């Protein structure tokens, strides 16, 4: 084999190697681009949700102000069919913002009842607590947006008049005991649709506390 053939073979081998290296580099770059495109940008991590918790009192007594938000019309219509109460009133509305996959924890003085059930006194408060372990946007089997609330918890300590205590001077004053009531569950709901979470007995008056919740993504 002469020198020209040897040099020609070496040149051909170097050319093939150079082409292979170039093609491999392009393939790796494209693969890297696809991988980066498939990675989440973090935008969804900044999504916030507005949550609304409604405390509704169901009663057979007359209600001075029975006006309820239009967003609760469907819920109230369903309640009138399923629960034997004459009237419903809105005791409280709690509006909060929570980050997607975040938690919510509220405690406050007051609740569905501002005074002891069955008592004329207006000075004994109730104590309430509302917690959600995780609020998360998900999709159901049909691809519809849903809001999942894990470890949903509502609790209240309600003052109940159990009798009348007599002081040494002969005067009487109400004897009050605090009774605890609450609910713990995991729920999912359609985004932006109010749903009934549960009903709690409110004591000897026969009234009930109805928990209604809704959540949707914030607009800004």
N, C-alpha and C. Protein backbone atom coordinates (compact mmCIF):
# COMPACT_ATOMS: atom_id res chain seq x y z
N UNK A 1 0.87 -1.19 0.00
CA UNK A 1 0.00 0.00 0.00
C UNK A 1 0.90 1.23 0.00
N UNK A 2 0.63 2.16 -0.98
CA UNK A 2 1.47 3.33 -1.04
C UNK A 2 1.02 4.38 -0.04
N UNK A 3 1.80 5.44 0.07
CA UNK A 3 1.54 6.48 1.08
C UNK A 3 0.28 7.25 0.81
N UNK A 4 -0.06 7.43 -0.51
CA UNK A 4 -1.28 8.17 -0.82
C UNK A 4 -2.54 7.44 -0.33
N UNK A 5 -2.57 6.14 -0.52
CA UNK A 5 -3.73 5.38 -0.06
C UNK A 5 -3.85 5.41 1.46
N UNK A 6 -2.71 5.36 2.13
CA UNK A 6 -2.73 5.41 3.60
C UNK A 6 -3.27 6.75 4.09
N UNK A 7 -2.78 7.85 3.48
CA UNK A 7 -3.25 9.19 3.87
C UNK A 7 -4.74 9.36 3.54
N UNK A 8 -5.16 8.79 2.40
CA UNK A 8 -6.58 8.89 2.04
C UNK A 8 -7.47 8.16 3.04
N UNK A 9 -7.05 7.01 3.47
CA UNK A 9 -7.84 6.24 4.45
C UNK A 9 -7.93 6.97 5.78
N UNK A 10 -6.80 7.58 6.18
CA UNK A 10 -6.79 8.33 7.44
C UNK A 10 -7.71 9.54 7.36
N UNK A 11 -7.69 10.25 6.23
CA UNK A 11 -8.54 11.43 6.04
C UNK A 11 -10.02 11.04 6.09
N UNK A 12 -10.37 9.92 5.44
CA UNK A 12 -11.76 9.45 5.43
C UNK A 12 -12.22 9.09 6.84
N UNK A 13 -11.34 8.45 7.62
CA UNK A 13 -11.69 8.07 8.99
C UNK A 13 -11.90 9.31 9.85
N UNK A 14 -11.04 10.31 9.66
CA UNK A 14 -11.18 11.55 10.43
C UNK A 14 -12.47 12.28 10.07
N UNK A 15 -12.85 12.26 8.78
CA UNK A 15 -14.07 12.92 8.34
C UNK A 15 -15.30 12.25 8.94
N UNK A 16 -15.30 10.92 8.94
CA UNK A 16 -16.43 10.17 9.53
C UNK A 16 -16.56 10.46 11.02
N UNK A 17 -15.38 10.48 11.69
CA UNK A 17 -15.40 10.76 13.13
C UNK A 17 -15.92 12.15 13.43
N UNK A 18 -15.51 13.14 12.58
CA UNK A 18 -15.96 14.52 12.78
C UNK A 18 -17.46 14.64 12.58
N UNK A 19 -18.00 13.98 11.55
CA UNK A 19 -19.46 14.01 11.30
C UNK A 19 -20.23 13.38 12.45
N UNK A 20 -19.72 12.25 12.93
CA UNK A 20 -20.39 11.57 14.05
C UNK A 20 -20.42 12.45 15.30
N UNK A 21 -19.28 13.12 15.57
CA UNK A 21 -19.21 14.00 16.75
C UNK A 21 -20.17 15.16 16.63
N UNK A 22 -20.28 15.74 15.42
CA UNK A 22 -21.20 16.87 15.20
C UNK A 22 -22.64 16.45 15.39
N UNK A 23 -23.02 15.31 14.81
CA UNK A 23 -24.40 14.82 14.94
C UNK A 23 -24.73 14.49 16.39
N UNK A 24 -23.78 13.91 17.12
CA UNK A 24 -24.01 13.57 18.53
C UNK A 24 -24.22 14.83 19.36
N UNK A 25 -23.44 15.87 19.08
CA UNK A 25 -23.58 17.13 19.82
C UNK A 25 -24.94 17.75 19.58
N UNK A 26 -25.40 17.73 18.30
CA UNK A 26 -26.73 18.27 18.01
C UNK A 26 -27.83 17.48 18.70
N UNK A 27 -27.70 16.16 18.72
CA UNK A 27 -28.70 15.31 19.37
C UNK A 27 -28.77 15.58 20.86
N UNK A 28 -27.59 15.73 21.48
CA UNK A 28 -27.57 16.02 22.91
C UNK A 28 -28.19 17.37 23.20
N UNK A 29 -27.94 18.37 22.35
CA UNK A 29 -28.51 19.70 22.55
C UNK A 29 -30.03 19.66 22.44
N UNK A 30 -30.54 18.92 21.41
CA UNK A 30 -31.99 18.80 21.25
C UNK A 30 -32.62 18.08 22.44
N UNK A 31 -31.94 17.03 22.90
CA UNK A 31 -32.45 16.29 24.06
C UNK A 31 -32.50 17.19 25.28
N UNK A 32 -31.49 18.02 25.45
CA UNK A 32 -31.46 18.94 26.59
C UNK A 32 -32.58 19.95 26.50
N UNK A 33 -32.85 20.43 25.23
CA UNK A 33 -33.94 21.40 25.04
C UNK A 33 -35.28 20.79 25.39
N UNK A 34 -35.53 19.54 24.99
CA UNK A 34 -36.79 18.87 25.29
C UNK A 34 -36.95 18.69 26.78
N UNK A 35 -35.85 18.27 27.45
CA UNK A 35 -35.91 18.06 28.89
C UNK A 35 -36.25 19.36 29.61
N UNK A 36 -35.62 20.47 29.19
CA UNK A 36 -35.90 21.76 29.83
C UNK A 36 -37.33 22.20 29.57
N UNK A 37 -37.85 21.91 28.35
CA UNK A 37 -39.22 22.30 28.03
C UNK A 37 -40.22 21.51 28.84
N UNK A 38 -39.86 20.23 29.15
CA UNK A 38 -40.77 19.39 29.91
C UNK A 38 -40.79 19.75 31.39
N UNK A 39 -39.78 20.46 31.86
CA UNK A 39 -39.72 20.81 33.27
C UNK A 39 -40.73 21.91 33.60
N UNK A 40 -41.40 21.86 34.75
CA UNK A 40 -42.33 22.92 35.12
C UNK A 40 -41.59 24.23 35.30
N UNK A 41 -42.27 25.31 34.90
CA UNK A 41 -41.67 26.63 35.01
C UNK A 41 -41.81 27.23 36.39
N UNK A 42 -42.65 26.62 37.22
CA UNK A 42 -42.87 27.16 38.56
C UNK A 42 -44.04 28.10 38.63
N UNK A 43 -44.69 28.35 37.47
CA UNK A 43 -45.82 29.28 37.45
C UNK A 43 -46.97 28.77 38.30
N UNK A 44 -47.28 27.45 38.17
CA UNK A 44 -48.38 26.87 38.93
C UNK A 44 -48.11 26.93 40.44
N UNK A 45 -46.83 26.94 40.81
CA UNK A 45 -46.49 26.99 42.23
C UNK A 45 -46.91 28.31 42.86
N UNK A 46 -47.13 29.34 42.03
CA UNK A 46 -47.52 30.65 42.54
C UNK A 46 -49.03 30.87 42.49
N UNK A 47 -49.77 29.83 42.10
CA UNK A 47 -51.23 29.95 42.03
C UNK A 47 -51.82 30.07 43.42
N UNK A 48 -52.74 31.02 43.59
CA UNK A 48 -53.46 31.20 44.85
C UNK A 48 -54.94 30.91 44.65
N UNK A 49 -55.59 30.53 45.74
CA UNK A 49 -57.03 30.27 45.71
C UNK A 49 -57.74 31.13 46.74
N UNK A 50 -58.90 31.63 46.36
CA UNK A 50 -59.77 32.33 47.30
C UNK A 50 -60.77 31.32 47.84
N UNK A 51 -60.82 31.18 49.16
CA UNK A 51 -61.75 30.24 49.81
C UNK A 51 -62.82 31.01 50.57
N UNK A 52 -64.03 30.46 50.56
CA UNK A 52 -65.14 31.04 51.32
C UNK A 52 -65.76 29.96 52.20
N UNK A 53 -65.82 30.24 53.49
CA UNK A 53 -66.52 29.34 54.42
C UNK A 53 -67.73 30.08 54.94
N UNK A 54 -68.92 29.50 54.75
CA UNK A 54 -70.17 30.10 55.21
C UNK A 54 -70.70 29.29 56.39
N UNK A 55 -71.03 29.98 57.47
CA UNK A 55 -71.70 29.35 58.62
C UNK A 55 -73.17 29.74 58.56
N UNK A 56 -74.00 28.76 58.30
CA UNK A 56 -75.44 28.99 58.18
C UNK A 56 -76.15 28.35 59.36
N UNK A 57 -77.06 29.10 59.98
CA UNK A 57 -77.85 28.56 61.08
C UNK A 57 -79.22 28.17 60.55
N UNK A 58 -79.56 26.90 60.73
CA UNK A 58 -80.89 26.40 60.37
C UNK A 58 -81.74 26.38 61.63
N UNK A 59 -82.93 26.98 61.58
CA UNK A 59 -83.75 27.12 62.76
C UNK A 59 -85.23 27.05 62.41
N UNK A 60 -86.03 26.70 63.38
CA UNK A 60 -87.48 26.75 63.22
C UNK A 60 -88.06 28.02 63.82
N UNK A 61 -87.21 28.88 64.35
CA UNK A 61 -87.63 30.16 64.89
C UNK A 61 -87.72 31.20 63.78
N UNK A 62 -88.39 32.32 64.09
CA UNK A 62 -88.47 33.41 63.13
C UNK A 62 -87.10 34.06 62.98
N UNK A 63 -86.76 34.44 61.76
CA UNK A 63 -85.48 35.06 61.46
C UNK A 63 -85.70 36.48 61.01
N UNK A 64 -85.03 37.43 61.68
CA UNK A 64 -85.23 38.84 61.36
C UNK A 64 -84.70 39.18 59.98
N UNK A 65 -83.51 38.65 59.64
CA UNK A 65 -82.90 38.93 58.34
C UNK A 65 -82.53 37.61 57.69
N UNK A 66 -83.34 37.19 56.72
CA UNK A 66 -83.13 35.90 56.08
C UNK A 66 -82.43 36.05 54.73
N UNK A 67 -81.92 37.22 54.43
CA UNK A 67 -81.25 37.42 53.15
C UNK A 67 -79.94 36.65 53.11
N UNK A 68 -79.71 35.96 52.01
CA UNK A 68 -78.51 35.15 51.83
C UNK A 68 -77.86 35.51 50.49
N UNK A 69 -76.55 35.34 50.38
CA UNK A 69 -75.89 35.64 49.11
C UNK A 69 -76.46 34.81 47.96
N UNK A 70 -76.48 35.41 46.77
CA UNK A 70 -77.01 34.70 45.60
C UNK A 70 -76.22 33.43 45.31
N UNK A 71 -74.94 33.42 45.67
CA UNK A 71 -74.11 32.24 45.42
C UNK A 71 -74.57 31.02 46.22
N UNK A 72 -75.42 31.24 47.24
CA UNK A 72 -75.91 30.14 48.07
C UNK A 72 -77.32 29.69 47.69
N UNK A 73 -77.89 30.27 46.64
CA UNK A 73 -79.27 29.94 46.26
C UNK A 73 -79.44 28.44 46.02
N UNK A 74 -78.53 27.84 45.26
CA UNK A 74 -78.66 26.41 44.95
C UNK A 74 -78.53 25.57 46.21
N UNK A 75 -77.60 25.94 47.10
CA UNK A 75 -77.40 25.19 48.34
C UNK A 75 -78.63 25.27 49.23
N UNK A 76 -79.19 26.47 49.39
CA UNK A 76 -80.36 26.64 50.25
C UNK A 76 -81.56 25.88 49.68
N UNK A 77 -81.70 25.86 48.38
CA UNK A 77 -82.81 25.12 47.76
C UNK A 77 -82.70 23.63 48.08
N UNK A 78 -81.47 23.10 48.03
CA UNK A 78 -81.27 21.69 48.36
C UNK A 78 -81.51 21.43 49.85
N UNK A 79 -81.10 22.38 50.70
CA UNK A 79 -81.28 22.21 52.14
C UNK A 79 -82.77 22.19 52.51
N UNK A 80 -83.56 23.01 51.88
CA UNK A 80 -85.00 23.05 52.20
C UNK A 80 -85.68 21.73 51.88
N UNK A 81 -85.11 20.99 50.94
CA UNK A 81 -85.68 19.69 50.57
C UNK A 81 -85.24 18.61 51.55
N UNK A 82 -83.97 18.69 51.99
CA UNK A 82 -83.40 17.59 52.78
C UNK A 82 -83.47 17.78 54.29
N UNK A 83 -83.59 19.03 54.78
CA UNK A 83 -83.62 19.28 56.22
C UNK A 83 -84.94 19.93 56.65
N UNK A 84 -85.52 19.48 57.76
CA UNK A 84 -86.83 19.98 58.19
C UNK A 84 -86.75 21.27 59.02
N UNK A 85 -86.16 22.33 58.44
CA UNK A 85 -86.09 23.61 59.14
C UNK A 85 -86.88 24.66 58.37
N UNK A 86 -87.47 25.58 59.11
CA UNK A 86 -88.30 26.60 58.48
C UNK A 86 -87.47 27.74 57.91
N UNK A 87 -86.41 28.12 58.59
CA UNK A 87 -85.65 29.29 58.19
C UNK A 87 -84.14 29.04 58.23
N UNK A 88 -83.44 29.84 57.47
CA UNK A 88 -81.98 29.78 57.43
C UNK A 88 -81.45 31.21 57.48
N UNK A 89 -80.39 31.40 58.24
CA UNK A 89 -79.74 32.72 58.28
C UNK A 89 -78.24 32.54 58.21
N UNK A 90 -77.59 33.54 57.63
CA UNK A 90 -76.14 33.51 57.50
C UNK A 90 -75.51 34.11 58.75
N UNK A 91 -74.77 33.28 59.49
CA UNK A 91 -74.16 33.74 60.73
C UNK A 91 -72.79 34.34 60.51
N UNK A 92 -72.03 33.83 59.55
CA UNK A 92 -70.69 34.35 59.31
C UNK A 92 -70.20 33.92 57.93
N UNK A 93 -69.36 34.75 57.34
CA UNK A 93 -68.68 34.44 56.09
C UNK A 93 -67.19 34.69 56.28
N UNK A 94 -66.37 33.69 56.01
CA UNK A 94 -64.93 33.82 56.15
C UNK A 94 -64.30 33.69 54.78
N UNK A 95 -63.63 34.76 54.34
CA UNK A 95 -62.97 34.78 53.03
C UNK A 95 -61.47 34.83 53.26
N UNK A 96 -60.74 33.87 52.66
CA UNK A 96 -59.29 33.80 52.85
C UNK A 96 -58.62 33.41 51.54
N UNK A 97 -57.35 33.80 51.45
CA UNK A 97 -56.54 33.43 50.29
C UNK A 97 -55.45 32.47 50.74
N UNK A 98 -55.27 31.40 49.97
CA UNK A 98 -54.28 30.38 50.33
C UNK A 98 -53.55 29.94 49.07
N UNK A 99 -52.27 29.68 49.18
CA UNK A 99 -51.46 29.23 48.05
C UNK A 99 -51.82 27.80 47.69
N UNK A 100 -51.79 27.50 46.39
CA UNK A 100 -52.03 26.14 45.95
C UNK A 100 -51.08 25.19 46.66
N UNK A 101 -51.65 24.12 47.22
CA UNK A 101 -50.95 23.13 48.04
C UNK A 101 -50.50 23.73 49.37
N UNK A 102 -51.13 24.82 49.79
CA UNK A 102 -50.83 25.41 51.09
C UNK A 102 -51.85 24.98 52.14
N UNK A 103 -51.74 25.56 53.32
CA UNK A 103 -52.63 25.21 54.43
C UNK A 103 -53.35 26.47 54.92
N UNK A 104 -54.39 26.24 55.72
CA UNK A 104 -55.19 27.35 56.25
C UNK A 104 -55.52 27.04 57.71
N UNK A 105 -55.36 28.04 58.57
CA UNK A 105 -55.59 27.84 60.01
C UNK A 105 -56.13 29.13 60.61
N UNK A 106 -57.39 29.10 61.07
CA UNK A 106 -58.04 30.28 61.64
C UNK A 106 -58.63 29.96 63.01
N UNK A 107 -58.50 30.92 63.92
CA UNK A 107 -59.15 30.83 65.22
C UNK A 107 -59.73 32.20 65.55
N UNK A 108 -60.95 32.20 66.08
CA UNK A 108 -61.56 33.49 66.38
C UNK A 108 -62.61 33.34 67.48
N UNK A 109 -62.90 34.48 68.11
CA UNK A 109 -63.95 34.54 69.14
C UNK A 109 -65.26 34.88 68.44
N UNK A 110 -66.25 34.07 68.67
CA UNK A 110 -67.52 34.24 67.99
C UNK A 110 -67.77 33.05 67.08
N UNK A 111 -68.92 33.03 66.47
CA UNK A 111 -69.25 31.92 65.59
C UNK A 111 -70.69 32.03 65.15
N UNK A 112 -71.36 30.92 65.07
CA UNK A 112 -72.74 30.93 64.62
C UNK A 112 -73.67 31.57 65.64
N UNK A 113 -73.27 31.52 66.92
CA UNK A 113 -74.10 32.08 67.98
C UNK A 113 -73.30 33.07 68.79
N UNK A 114 -73.84 34.27 68.97
CA UNK A 114 -73.16 35.31 69.74
C UNK A 114 -73.51 35.24 71.21
N UNK A 115 -74.48 34.46 71.57
CA UNK A 115 -74.92 34.35 72.96
C UNK A 115 -75.23 32.90 73.28
N UNK A 116 -75.27 32.53 74.56
CA UNK A 116 -75.59 31.16 74.93
C UNK A 116 -76.93 30.73 74.37
N UNK A 117 -76.96 29.53 73.83
CA UNK A 117 -78.21 28.99 73.32
C UNK A 117 -79.20 28.82 74.48
N UNK A 118 -80.36 29.41 74.36
CA UNK A 118 -81.36 29.31 75.40
C UNK A 118 -81.17 30.32 76.51
N UNK A 119 -80.26 31.26 76.35
CA UNK A 119 -80.00 32.26 77.38
C UNK A 119 -80.24 33.65 76.83
N UNK A 120 -80.70 34.56 77.70
CA UNK A 120 -80.93 35.95 77.30
C UNK A 120 -79.65 36.77 77.35
N UNK A 121 -78.59 36.21 77.92
CA UNK A 121 -77.34 36.94 78.08
C UNK A 121 -76.64 37.12 76.73
N UNK A 122 -75.99 38.28 76.53
CA UNK A 122 -75.25 38.54 75.31
C UNK A 122 -73.76 38.71 75.58
N UNK A 123 -73.29 38.27 76.74
CA UNK A 123 -71.91 38.55 77.12
C UNK A 123 -71.01 37.31 77.08
N UNK A 124 -71.56 36.15 76.81
CA UNK A 124 -70.75 34.92 76.78
C UNK A 124 -70.47 34.54 75.34
N UNK A 125 -69.22 34.63 74.90
CA UNK A 125 -68.93 34.35 73.48
C UNK A 125 -68.77 32.86 73.22
N UNK A 126 -68.78 32.54 71.95
CA UNK A 126 -68.39 31.19 71.53
C UNK A 126 -67.01 31.30 70.90
N UNK A 127 -66.33 30.16 70.76
CA UNK A 127 -64.98 30.12 70.21
C UNK A 127 -64.96 29.16 69.03
N UNK A 128 -64.36 29.60 67.93
CA UNK A 128 -64.40 28.80 66.71
C UNK A 128 -63.00 28.60 66.14
N UNK A 129 -62.85 27.51 65.39
CA UNK A 129 -61.58 27.19 64.75
C UNK A 129 -61.84 26.51 63.41
N UNK A 130 -61.12 26.95 62.38
CA UNK A 130 -61.26 26.40 61.04
C UNK A 130 -59.87 26.08 60.50
N UNK A 131 -59.67 24.82 60.07
CA UNK A 131 -58.37 24.41 59.56
C UNK A 131 -58.54 23.58 58.29
N UNK A 132 -57.57 23.74 57.39
CA UNK A 132 -57.45 22.84 56.24
C UNK A 132 -55.98 22.47 56.13
N UNK A 133 -55.68 21.17 56.14
CA UNK A 133 -54.29 20.72 56.08
C UNK A 133 -53.63 21.06 54.76
N UNK A 134 -54.32 20.78 53.63
CA UNK A 134 -53.80 21.09 52.30
C UNK A 134 -54.96 21.48 51.39
N UNK A 135 -54.80 22.62 50.71
CA UNK A 135 -55.75 23.05 49.67
C UNK A 135 -55.03 22.89 48.33
N UNK A 136 -55.60 22.08 47.45
CA UNK A 136 -54.86 21.71 46.23
C UNK A 136 -55.77 21.67 45.01
N UNK A 137 -55.27 22.23 43.90
CA UNK A 137 -55.97 22.13 42.62
C UNK A 137 -55.67 20.77 42.00
N UNK A 138 -56.73 20.06 41.58
CA UNK A 138 -56.58 18.76 40.93
C UNK A 138 -57.56 18.70 39.77
N UNK A 139 -57.54 17.58 39.04
CA UNK A 139 -58.52 17.35 37.97
C UNK A 139 -59.15 15.97 38.17
N UNK A 140 -60.45 15.89 37.88
CA UNK A 140 -61.14 14.62 38.04
C UNK A 140 -60.91 13.74 36.81
N UNK A 141 -61.57 12.60 36.76
CA UNK A 141 -61.37 11.65 35.67
C UNK A 141 -61.80 12.21 34.32
N UNK A 142 -62.67 13.24 34.33
CA UNK A 142 -63.13 13.86 33.10
C UNK A 142 -62.33 15.09 32.73
N UNK A 143 -61.28 15.37 33.51
CA UNK A 143 -60.43 16.50 33.21
C UNK A 143 -60.94 17.84 33.72
N UNK A 144 -62.01 17.83 34.53
CA UNK A 144 -62.55 19.07 35.05
C UNK A 144 -61.73 19.55 36.25
N UNK A 145 -61.54 20.88 36.37
CA UNK A 145 -60.77 21.40 37.52
C UNK A 145 -61.54 21.22 38.82
N UNK A 146 -60.85 20.70 39.83
CA UNK A 146 -61.43 20.46 41.14
C UNK A 146 -60.53 21.08 42.20
N UNK A 147 -61.10 21.32 43.37
CA UNK A 147 -60.34 21.77 44.52
C UNK A 147 -60.44 20.70 45.59
N UNK A 148 -59.31 20.23 46.06
CA UNK A 148 -59.26 19.20 47.08
C UNK A 148 -58.83 19.81 48.40
N UNK A 149 -59.59 19.53 49.45
CA UNK A 149 -59.25 19.99 50.80
C UNK A 149 -59.02 18.77 51.69
N UNK A 150 -57.76 18.60 52.08
CA UNK A 150 -57.39 17.48 52.93
C UNK A 150 -57.33 17.94 54.38
N UNK A 151 -57.85 17.10 55.27
CA UNK A 151 -57.91 17.40 56.71
C UNK A 151 -58.68 18.70 56.97
N UNK A 152 -59.86 18.80 56.34
CA UNK A 152 -60.77 19.91 56.61
C UNK A 152 -61.31 19.74 58.03
N UNK A 153 -61.24 20.81 58.82
CA UNK A 153 -61.66 20.72 60.23
C UNK A 153 -62.32 22.01 60.67
N UNK A 154 -63.51 21.89 61.23
CA UNK A 154 -64.18 23.03 61.85
C UNK A 154 -64.62 22.61 63.25
N UNK A 155 -64.32 23.45 64.22
CA UNK A 155 -64.73 23.17 65.60
C UNK A 155 -65.20 24.43 66.29
N UNK A 156 -66.12 24.26 67.23
CA UNK A 156 -66.64 25.39 67.99
C UNK A 156 -66.94 24.96 69.42
N UNK A 157 -66.69 25.88 70.34
CA UNK A 157 -67.10 25.69 71.73
C UNK A 157 -68.24 26.65 71.99
N UNK A 158 -69.42 26.08 72.20
CA UNK A 158 -70.65 26.88 72.29
C UNK A 158 -71.12 26.94 73.73
N UNK A 159 -71.42 28.16 74.25
CA UNK A 159 -71.92 28.27 75.62
C UNK A 159 -73.39 27.84 75.71
N UNK A 160 -73.66 26.97 76.66
CA UNK A 160 -75.02 26.46 76.88
C UNK A 160 -75.44 26.77 78.32
N UNK A 161 -76.59 27.39 78.48
CA UNK A 161 -77.11 27.64 79.82
C UNK A 161 -77.74 26.36 80.35
N UNK A 162 -77.19 25.85 81.45
CA UNK A 162 -77.67 24.58 82.01
C UNK A 162 -78.56 24.78 83.24
N UNK A 163 -78.68 26.00 83.70
CA UNK A 163 -79.51 26.26 84.87
C UNK A 163 -79.24 27.65 85.42
N UNK A 164 -79.67 27.85 86.67
CA UNK A 164 -79.47 29.14 87.33
C UNK A 164 -78.82 28.90 88.69
N UNK A 165 -77.70 29.55 88.90
CA UNK A 165 -77.01 29.44 90.19
C UNK A 165 -77.48 30.56 91.11
N UNK A 166 -77.60 30.22 92.40
CA UNK A 166 -78.07 31.19 93.39
C UNK A 166 -76.88 31.65 94.24
N UNK A 167 -76.67 32.96 94.27
CA UNK A 167 -75.59 33.53 95.06
C UNK A 167 -76.00 33.59 96.53
N UNK A 168 -75.02 33.91 97.40
CA UNK A 168 -75.28 33.97 98.85
C UNK A 168 -76.28 35.05 99.21
N UNK A 169 -76.38 36.09 98.38
CA UNK A 169 -77.33 37.16 98.67
C UNK A 169 -78.71 36.88 98.11
N UNK A 170 -78.87 35.70 97.55
CA UNK A 170 -80.17 35.31 97.03
C UNK A 170 -80.41 35.63 95.57
N UNK A 171 -79.50 36.36 94.95
CA UNK A 171 -79.67 36.69 93.53
C UNK A 171 -79.26 35.50 92.67
N UNK A 172 -79.82 35.42 91.49
CA UNK A 172 -79.52 34.31 90.60
C UNK A 172 -78.75 34.77 89.36
N UNK A 173 -77.97 33.90 88.85
CA UNK A 173 -77.25 34.18 87.60
C UNK A 173 -77.14 32.87 86.83
N UNK A 174 -77.09 32.98 85.48
CA UNK A 174 -77.10 31.75 84.66
C UNK A 174 -75.86 30.91 84.86
N UNK A 175 -76.04 29.62 84.87
CA UNK A 175 -74.93 28.68 84.93
C UNK A 175 -74.63 28.21 83.50
N UNK A 176 -73.41 28.50 83.06
CA UNK A 176 -73.03 28.26 81.67
C UNK A 176 -71.97 27.16 81.57
N UNK A 177 -72.21 26.23 80.69
CA UNK A 177 -71.21 25.22 80.34
C UNK A 177 -70.88 25.34 78.86
N UNK A 178 -69.62 25.12 78.52
CA UNK A 178 -69.22 25.15 77.12
C UNK A 178 -69.23 23.74 76.56
N UNK A 179 -69.94 23.57 75.46
CA UNK A 179 -70.01 22.28 74.78
C UNK A 179 -69.26 22.37 73.46
N UNK A 180 -68.49 21.33 73.17
CA UNK A 180 -67.71 21.32 71.92
C UNK A 180 -68.47 20.61 70.82
N UNK A 181 -68.38 21.16 69.63
CA UNK A 181 -68.96 20.53 68.45
C UNK A 181 -67.98 20.73 67.30
N UNK A 182 -67.97 19.83 66.35
CA UNK A 182 -67.01 19.98 65.27
C UNK A 182 -67.14 18.91 64.21
N UNK A 183 -66.32 19.06 63.17
CA UNK A 183 -66.36 18.14 62.04
C UNK A 183 -64.96 18.04 61.43
N UNK A 184 -64.56 16.81 61.06
CA UNK A 184 -63.27 16.56 60.41
C UNK A 184 -63.51 15.66 59.21
N UNK A 185 -62.98 16.06 58.04
CA UNK A 185 -63.21 15.26 56.85
C UNK A 185 -62.21 15.63 55.76
N UNK A 186 -62.20 14.87 54.67
CA UNK A 186 -61.48 15.20 53.44
C UNK A 186 -62.52 15.36 52.34
N UNK A 187 -62.43 16.45 51.58
CA UNK A 187 -63.45 16.71 50.55
C UNK A 187 -62.80 17.16 49.25
N UNK A 188 -63.56 17.00 48.16
CA UNK A 188 -63.22 17.56 46.86
C UNK A 188 -64.47 18.22 46.30
N UNK A 189 -64.28 19.32 45.58
CA UNK A 189 -65.43 20.05 45.03
C UNK A 189 -65.05 20.66 43.69
N UNK A 190 -66.04 20.94 42.88
CA UNK A 190 -65.78 21.64 41.63
C UNK A 190 -65.33 23.05 41.94
N UNK A 191 -64.40 23.53 41.17
CA UNK A 191 -63.86 24.87 41.41
C UNK A 191 -64.95 25.92 41.26
N UNK A 192 -65.09 26.77 42.28
CA UNK A 192 -66.05 27.87 42.24
C UNK A 192 -67.47 27.51 42.60
N UNK A 193 -67.74 26.26 42.99
CA UNK A 193 -69.09 25.80 43.31
C UNK A 193 -69.20 25.57 44.81
N UNK A 194 -70.18 26.23 45.46
CA UNK A 194 -70.39 26.07 46.90
C UNK A 194 -71.03 24.71 47.19
N UNK A 195 -70.51 24.01 48.20
CA UNK A 195 -71.04 22.70 48.58
C UNK A 195 -71.22 22.63 50.09
N UNK A 196 -72.16 21.81 50.52
CA UNK A 196 -72.38 21.57 51.94
C UNK A 196 -71.37 20.54 52.42
N UNK A 197 -70.62 20.92 53.46
CA UNK A 197 -69.63 20.00 54.02
C UNK A 197 -70.25 19.14 55.11
N UNK A 198 -71.10 19.74 55.95
CA UNK A 198 -71.71 18.98 57.03
C UNK A 198 -72.66 19.82 57.86
N UNK A 199 -73.37 19.15 58.76
CA UNK A 199 -74.35 19.78 59.64
C UNK A 199 -74.03 19.40 61.07
N UNK A 200 -74.03 20.40 61.96
CA UNK A 200 -73.71 20.17 63.36
C UNK A 200 -74.88 20.58 64.25
N UNK A 201 -75.18 19.74 65.24
CA UNK A 201 -76.21 20.08 66.21
C UNK A 201 -75.71 21.22 67.09
N UNK A 202 -76.57 22.22 67.32
CA UNK A 202 -76.15 23.41 68.07
C UNK A 202 -76.69 23.45 69.49
N UNK A 203 -77.19 22.34 70.00
CA UNK A 203 -77.63 22.34 71.38
C UNK A 203 -79.11 22.11 71.56
N UNK A 204 -79.62 22.34 72.78
CA UNK A 204 -81.02 22.03 73.09
C UNK A 204 -82.04 22.89 72.36
N UNK A 205 -81.63 23.96 71.72
CA UNK A 205 -82.59 24.79 70.99
C UNK A 205 -83.13 24.07 69.76
N UNK A 206 -82.42 23.05 69.31
CA UNK A 206 -82.85 22.34 68.11
C UNK A 206 -82.30 22.94 66.84
N UNK A 207 -81.58 24.07 66.94
CA UNK A 207 -80.98 24.68 65.76
C UNK A 207 -79.78 23.85 65.29
N UNK A 208 -79.32 24.14 64.09
CA UNK A 208 -78.17 23.42 63.53
C UNK A 208 -77.25 24.40 62.82
N UNK A 209 -75.96 24.12 62.84
CA UNK A 209 -74.97 24.87 62.08
C UNK A 209 -74.66 24.08 60.82
N UNK A 210 -74.77 24.73 59.68
CA UNK A 210 -74.48 24.09 58.40
C UNK A 210 -73.22 24.73 57.82
N UNK A 211 -72.24 23.91 57.49
CA UNK A 211 -70.99 24.40 56.93
C UNK A 211 -71.04 24.29 55.40
N UNK A 212 -70.80 25.41 54.74
CA UNK A 212 -70.76 25.46 53.28
C UNK A 212 -69.43 26.07 52.87
N UNK A 213 -68.76 25.48 51.89
CA UNK A 213 -67.44 25.96 51.48
C UNK A 213 -67.35 26.00 49.96
N UNK A 214 -66.54 26.93 49.46
CA UNK A 214 -66.22 26.98 48.04
C UNK A 214 -64.82 27.54 47.89
N UNK A 215 -64.21 27.29 46.73
CA UNK A 215 -62.85 27.80 46.48
C UNK A 215 -62.64 27.90 44.97
N UNK A 216 -61.89 28.92 44.57
CA UNK A 216 -61.54 29.09 43.17
C UNK A 216 -60.24 29.86 43.05
N UNK A 217 -59.61 29.72 41.88
CA UNK A 217 -58.35 30.42 41.65
C UNK A 217 -58.55 31.94 41.65
N UNK A 218 -57.57 32.64 42.19
CA UNK A 218 -57.64 34.10 42.19
C UNK A 218 -57.43 34.61 40.78
N UNK A 219 -57.97 35.80 40.53
CA UNK A 219 -57.87 36.40 39.21
C UNK A 219 -56.61 37.23 39.05
N UNK A 220 -55.90 37.48 40.14
CA UNK A 220 -54.66 38.29 40.05
C UNK A 220 -53.70 37.85 41.14
